[in-house]
Amino acid sequence: MNIDLQGVSARHPAARPGAAPALKGLMLRVAHGEQVAVIGPSGAGKTTLLQVIACAMPLQAGTLQLDGQSPWQLPRSDLQRLRGRLFLAPQVPPLPPRQRVVTAVLAGRLPAMGLLASLRSLFYPADIPAAFDALDRFDLADKLFERVDRLSGGERQRVGLARALLAPARLWLIDEPLSALDPTRSRQAIGTLLAGARERGTTLVATLHQVDVALAHFPRIIGLRDGALAFDLPAAEVTRERLAQLYDQFEHELRGEVPVAAPDTPAPGPQPVVMHCR
């Protein structure tokens, strides 16, 4: 899927009146099948960028086109179909605590299923082998029939990523996929995502705090700061000087000293579940 943002400004609907836009006049194009990492300090607008591309947040100014279509000018039914071709993975996946992992992973297919088939899948998982294979690529096959609330934080995050391998999507938007993972799991997870995107010819845009992982695995790096584009370069051209400017006054983040959830530690008790209707 092609992405084209022209002069896009956006403010989160929950932002206080008069707050500065999270994105400011952003110009960005991503071609079909590209794999792009978005980096930048906290508050740079990385998550807002993904939500804008996912048609989850309206624009204040500018235009967004996905495969030549302007989502916010489409009839509601067409907008819903377009959203079904997108996969947005938030940093904390919205997994129902008492749900079995197999059901949570197969939920990635829901945009391509009718209402009756969707309801049936909640009680009778339709393709257990596919769920097993997706989990196995993230080294979670042994958790197939576990309940979600019995997983660690890192395991939950990988279950959320495994959904992408089953989603009928042409665009993956992945927000901070490594925040609860140790370095070994991080390399495995990002390698699996990149390989899966290549196999399917899927466009992949991922936000990352781990600058070293972004530079090592992604061919194209986008740097955001204060809602604006700082640079858009091949990974080989992102110098230490550019990174120092991008993370000026945020050197601790550049060094990887970002507070994150402890890797693979027991998950907290059941949390409220946020469902995103497509």
Protein backbone atom coordinates (compact mmCIF):
# COMPACT_ATOMS: atom_id res chain seq x y z
CA MET A 1 0.00 0.00 0.00
CA ASN A 2 1.27 3.47 -0.91
CA ILE A 3 1.17 6.27 1.68
CA ASP A 4 1.19 9.95 0.79
CA LEU A 5 1.00 12.72 3.41
CA GLN A 6 1.07 16.31 2.18
CA GLY A 7 1.30 19.12 4.74
CA VAL A 8 -0.41 17.03 7.43
CA SER A 9 -1.10 18.59 10.82
CA ALA A 10 -2.98 16.70 13.51
CA ARG A 11 -3.86 17.10 17.18
CA HIS A 12 -5.11 14.29 19.40
CA PRO A 13 -8.86 14.66 20.09
CA ALA A 14 -8.13 14.48 23.84
CA ALA A 15 -5.55 17.29 23.73
CA ARG A 16 -6.38 20.38 25.75
CA PRO A 17 -7.66 23.43 23.84
CA GLY A 18 -4.86 25.48 22.40
CA ALA A 19 -2.32 22.66 22.61
CA ALA A 20 0.24 22.53 19.80
CA PRO A 21 -0.43 19.97 17.06
CA ALA A 22 1.33 16.64 17.49
CA LEU A 23 2.16 16.72 13.77
CA LYS A 24 3.00 19.96 11.98
CA GLY A 25 2.90 20.23 8.18
CA LEU A 26 4.35 16.76 7.65
CA MET A 27 5.31 15.73 4.11
CA LEU A 28 5.96 12.01 3.68
CA ARG A 29 5.65 9.32 1.01
CA VAL A 30 6.09 5.58 1.48
CA ALA A 31 5.96 3.25 -1.51
CA HIS A 32 4.21 -0.10 -1.62
CA GLY A 33 6.28 -2.81 0.07
CA GLU A 34 8.73 -0.44 1.79
CA GLN A 35 9.95 -1.09 5.32
CA VAL A 36 10.39 2.13 7.29
CA ALA A 37 11.43 2.82 10.89
CA VAL A 38 10.32 6.05 12.58
CA ILE A 39 12.56 7.27 15.40
CA GLY A 40 12.69 10.34 17.59
CA PRO A 41 12.48 11.45 21.23
CA SER A 42 9.39 11.09 23.37
CA GLY A 43 6.63 13.43 22.26
CA ALA A 44 7.97 13.67 18.71
CA GLY A 45 4.65 12.59 17.20
CA LYS A 46 5.53 9.00 16.29
CA THR A 47 2.37 7.37 17.64
CA THR A 48 0.20 10.17 16.25
CA LEU A 49 1.71 9.55 12.82
CA LEU A 50 0.66 5.90 12.91
CA GLN A 51 -2.85 6.81 14.08
CA VAL A 52 -3.22 9.34 11.28
CA ILE A 53 -2.12 6.80 8.66
CA ALA A 54 -4.47 4.21 10.21
CA CYS A 55 -7.42 6.61 9.67
CA ALA A 56 -7.97 6.61 13.42
CA MET A 57 -7.40 10.35 13.83
CA PRO A 58 -8.76 13.13 11.57
CA LEU A 59 -6.48 15.76 10.10
CA GLN A 60 -6.42 19.43 11.05
CA ALA A 61 -4.72 20.36 7.82
CA GLY A 62 -3.18 18.73 4.75
CA THR A 63 -4.09 15.54 2.91
CA LEU A 64 -3.63 11.81 3.43
CA GLN A 65 -3.88 9.33 0.57
CA LEU A 66 -3.64 5.56 0.79
CA ASP A 67 -3.27 3.89 -2.61
CA GLY A 68 -4.53 7.11 -4.15
CA GLN A 69 -7.65 7.29 -1.99
CA SER A 70 -8.43 10.08 0.47
CA PRO A 71 -9.89 8.12 3.42
CA TRP A 72 -11.85 10.99 4.98
CA GLN A 73 -13.60 11.72 1.70
CA LEU A 74 -14.87 8.15 1.30
CA PRO A 75 -18.39 6.99 2.19
CA ARG A 76 -18.45 5.32 5.62
CA SER A 77 -18.76 1.81 4.17
CA ASP A 78 -15.73 2.34 1.90
CA LEU A 79 -13.75 3.81 4.80
CA GLN A 80 -14.50 0.70 6.85
CA ARG A 81 -13.30 -1.53 4.02
CA LEU A 82 -10.12 0.51 3.72
CA ARG A 83 -9.48 0.21 7.46
CA GLY A 84 -9.84 -3.55 7.06
CA ARG A 85 -6.74 -3.48 4.85
CA LEU A 86 -4.68 -1.84 7.62
CA PHE A 87 -3.17 -3.47 10.70
CA LEU A 88 -2.38 -1.18 13.61
CA ALA A 89 -0.51 -2.79 16.52
CA PRO A 90 -0.41 -0.50 19.59
CA GLN A 91 2.43 -0.71 22.07
CA VAL A 92 0.12 -2.41 24.58
CA PRO A 93 -2.06 -4.86 22.61
CA PRO A 94 -5.76 -4.79 23.57
CA LEU A 95 -6.06 -8.48 24.43
CA PRO A 96 -9.05 -9.60 26.54
CA PRO A 97 -7.51 -11.08 29.73
CA ARG A 98 -9.60 -14.26 29.84
CA GLN A 99 -9.30 -15.01 26.14
CA ARG A 100 -7.24 -17.96 24.93
CA VAL A 101 -4.13 -17.08 22.97
CA VAL A 102 -5.32 -19.04 19.92
CA THR A 103 -8.46 -16.90 19.76
CA ALA A 104 -6.52 -13.68 20.29
CA VAL A 105 -4.17 -14.46 17.40
CA LEU A 106 -6.91 -15.55 15.01
CA ALA A 107 -8.65 -12.24 15.74
CA GLY A 108 -6.20 -10.81 13.23
CA ARG A 109 -8.44 -12.28 10.53
CA LEU A 110 -11.64 -10.60 11.72
CA PRO A 111 -11.61 -7.78 9.13
CA ALA A 112 -12.04 -10.39 6.39
CA MET A 113 -14.81 -12.30 8.18
CA GLY A 114 -18.54 -11.77 8.28
CA LEU A 115 -20.46 -11.20 11.51
CA LEU A 116 -21.55 -14.82 12.03
CA ALA A 117 -18.09 -16.20 11.27
CA SER A 118 -16.55 -13.65 13.65
CA LEU A 119 -18.87 -14.67 16.48
CA ARG A 120 -18.30 -18.35 15.80
CA SER A 121 -14.52 -17.89 15.93
CA LEU A 122 -14.78 -16.63 19.52
CA PHE A 123 -15.94 -20.07 20.65
CA TYR A 124 -14.62 -22.40 17.94
CA PRO A 125 -11.25 -21.28 16.53
CA ALA A 126 -11.39 -21.99 12.80
CA ASP A 127 -7.72 -22.46 11.89
CA ILE A 128 -5.65 -23.63 14.83
CA PRO A 129 -2.67 -24.69 12.66
CA ALA A 130 -2.37 -21.14 11.27
CA ALA A 131 -2.39 -19.69 14.79
CA PHE A 132 0.23 -22.23 15.86
CA ASP A 133 2.51 -21.32 12.93
CA ALA A 134 2.19 -17.57 13.61
CA LEU A 135 3.00 -18.04 17.30
CA ASP A 136 5.86 -20.40 16.48
CA ARG A 137 7.58 -17.66 14.48
CA PHE A 138 7.64 -15.61 17.67
CA ASP A 139 8.71 -18.63 19.78
CA LEU A 140 5.30 -18.80 21.48
CA ALA A 141 3.82 -22.00 20.06
CA ASP A 142 3.69 -23.57 23.53
CA LYS A 143 1.30 -20.79 24.65
CA LEU A 144 -1.37 -21.65 22.06
CA PHE A 145 -4.10 -22.57 24.55
CA GLU A 146 -2.96 -20.42 27.49
CA ARG A 147 -5.16 -17.62 28.77
CA VAL A 148 -3.91 -14.15 27.96
CA ASP A 149 -3.89 -13.07 31.61
CA ARG A 150 -1.36 -15.81 32.37
CA LEU A 151 1.22 -14.41 29.96
CA SER A 152 4.08 -12.07 30.79
CA GLY A 153 4.12 -8.56 29.40
CA GLY A 154 6.64 -9.53 26.72
CA GLU A 155 4.60 -12.58 25.72
CA ARG A 156 1.48 -10.45 25.36
CA GLN A 157 3.37 -8.05 23.14
CA ARG A 158 4.51 -10.89 20.89
CA VAL A 159 0.98 -12.32 20.71
CA GLY A 160 -0.16 -8.90 19.48
CA LEU A 161 2.54 -8.98 16.79
CA ALA A 162 1.66 -12.54 15.75
CA ARG A 163 -1.77 -11.23 14.75
CA ALA A 164 -0.13 -9.33 11.90
CA LEU A 165 0.90 -12.59 10.22
CA LEU A 166 -2.77 -13.57 9.90
CA ALA A 167 -4.26 -10.17 9.16
CA PRO A 168 -5.63 -9.52 5.62
CA ALA A 169 -3.71 -6.24 5.59
CA ARG A 170 -1.56 -4.52 2.98
CA LEU A 171 -0.13 -2.08 5.50
CA TRP A 172 1.30 -2.86 8.94
CA LEU A 173 1.59 0.03 11.40
CA ILE A 174 3.54 -1.17 14.43
CA ASP A 175 3.99 1.08 17.48
CA GLU A 176 6.99 0.40 19.75
CA PRO A 177 6.92 -3.40 19.29
CA LEU A 178 9.98 -4.05 21.46
CA SER A 179 9.23 -2.07 24.62
CA ALA A 180 8.67 -5.16 26.80
CA LEU A 181 11.27 -7.42 25.17
CA ASP A 182 14.86 -8.20 26.04
CA PRO A 183 17.55 -7.76 23.34
CA THR A 184 17.39 -11.36 22.12
CA ARG A 185 13.58 -11.35 21.84
CA SER A 186 13.75 -7.92 20.23
CA ARG A 187 15.99 -9.14 17.41
CA GLN A 188 13.79 -12.18 16.89
CA ALA A 189 10.56 -10.17 16.85
CA ILE A 190 11.78 -7.48 14.46
CA GLY A 191 13.32 -10.08 12.16
CA THR A 192 10.03 -11.99 12.07
CA LEU A 193 8.04 -8.84 11.26
CA LEU A 194 10.40 -7.80 8.48
CA ALA A 195 10.45 -11.29 6.97
CA GLY A 196 6.66 -11.55 7.15
CA ALA A 197 6.24 -8.18 5.43
CA ARG A 198 8.64 -9.20 2.65
CA GLU A 199 6.85 -12.51 2.11
CA ARG A 200 3.50 -10.75 1.68
CA GLY A 201 4.70 -7.63 -0.09
CA THR A 202 3.22 -5.65 2.79
CA THR A 203 4.22 -2.07 3.57
CA LEU A 204 5.64 -1.82 7.09
CA VAL A 205 5.98 1.35 9.16
CA ALA A 206 7.26 0.83 12.72
CA THR A 207 8.06 3.32 15.47
CA LEU A 208 11.08 2.42 17.57
CA HIS A 209 12.94 3.81 20.58
CA GLN A 210 15.75 1.31 19.96
CA VAL A 211 17.83 3.34 17.49
CA ASP A 212 20.44 0.60 17.06
CA VAL A 213 17.75 -1.92 16.06
CA ALA A 214 16.24 0.53 13.57
CA LEU A 215 19.60 1.21 11.93
CA ALA A 216 20.55 -2.47 11.82
CA HIS A 217 17.31 -3.83 10.34
CA PHE A 218 15.45 -1.13 8.39
CA PRO A 219 16.63 0.23 5.04
CA ARG A 220 14.93 3.62 5.53
CA ILE A 221 14.86 5.77 8.66
CA ILE A 222 12.53 8.69 9.35
CA GLY A 223 13.47 11.05 12.18
CA LEU A 224 10.69 13.05 13.86
CA ARG A 225 11.11 15.84 16.38
CA ASP A 226 8.41 18.15 17.76
CA GLY A 227 5.93 16.85 15.18
CA ALA A 228 8.10 17.77 12.20
CA LEU A 229 10.33 15.81 9.85
CA ALA A 230 13.96 16.06 10.94
CA PHE A 231 15.33 13.72 8.26
CA ASP A 232 14.29 10.93 5.88
CA LEU A 233 17.33 8.90 4.87
CA PRO A 234 18.70 5.45 4.05
CA ALA A 235 19.94 3.84 7.24
CA ALA A 236 23.56 4.00 6.04
CA GLU A 237 23.35 7.82 5.85
CA VAL A 238 22.06 8.36 9.40
CA THR A 239 25.19 9.61 11.13
CA ARG A 240 25.90 10.00 14.83
CA GLU A 241 25.79 13.76 14.30
CA ARG A 242 22.26 13.59 12.89
CA LEU A 243 21.16 11.41 15.78
CA ALA A 244 22.72 13.79 18.29
CA GLN A 245 20.74 16.67 16.78
CA LEU A 246 17.54 14.62 16.71
CA TYR A 247 17.87 13.62 20.37
CA ASP A 248 19.33 16.91 21.61
CA GLN A 249 18.37 17.22 25.32
CA PHE A 250 17.09 13.63 25.13
CA GLU A 251 20.51 11.95 25.16
CA HIS A 252 19.29 9.33 27.63
CA GLU A 253 16.86 8.04 25.00
CA LEU A 254 19.57 7.88 22.36
CA ARG A 255 21.60 5.76 24.78
CA GLY A 256 18.62 3.46 25.21
CA GLU A 257 17.85 4.60 28.75
CA VAL A 258 14.10 4.75 28.17
CA PRO A 259 11.86 3.47 30.97
CA VAL A 260 10.16 0.35 29.65
CA ALA A 261 8.27 -2.59 31.07
CA ALA A 262 10.51 -5.29 32.50
CA PRO A 263 11.05 -7.95 29.81
CA ASP A 264 8.99 -11.09 30.18
CA THR A 265 7.94 -10.40 33.76
CA PRO A 266 4.60 -11.58 35.11
CA ALA A 267 1.84 -9.41 33.72
CA PRO A 268 -0.31 -7.33 36.06
CA GLY A 269 -3.87 -8.24 36.83
CA PRO A 270 -6.69 -7.80 34.31
CA GLN A 271 -6.78 -4.38 32.73
CA PRO A 272 -9.64 -2.59 30.95
CA VAL A 273 -9.89 -3.75 27.36
CA VAL A 274 -10.08 -1.18 24.57
CA MET A 275 -11.66 -2.49 21.39
CA HIS A 276 -11.05 -0.68 18.10
CA CYS A 277 -13.95 -1.23 15.72
CA ARG A 278 -13.01 -1.31 12.06
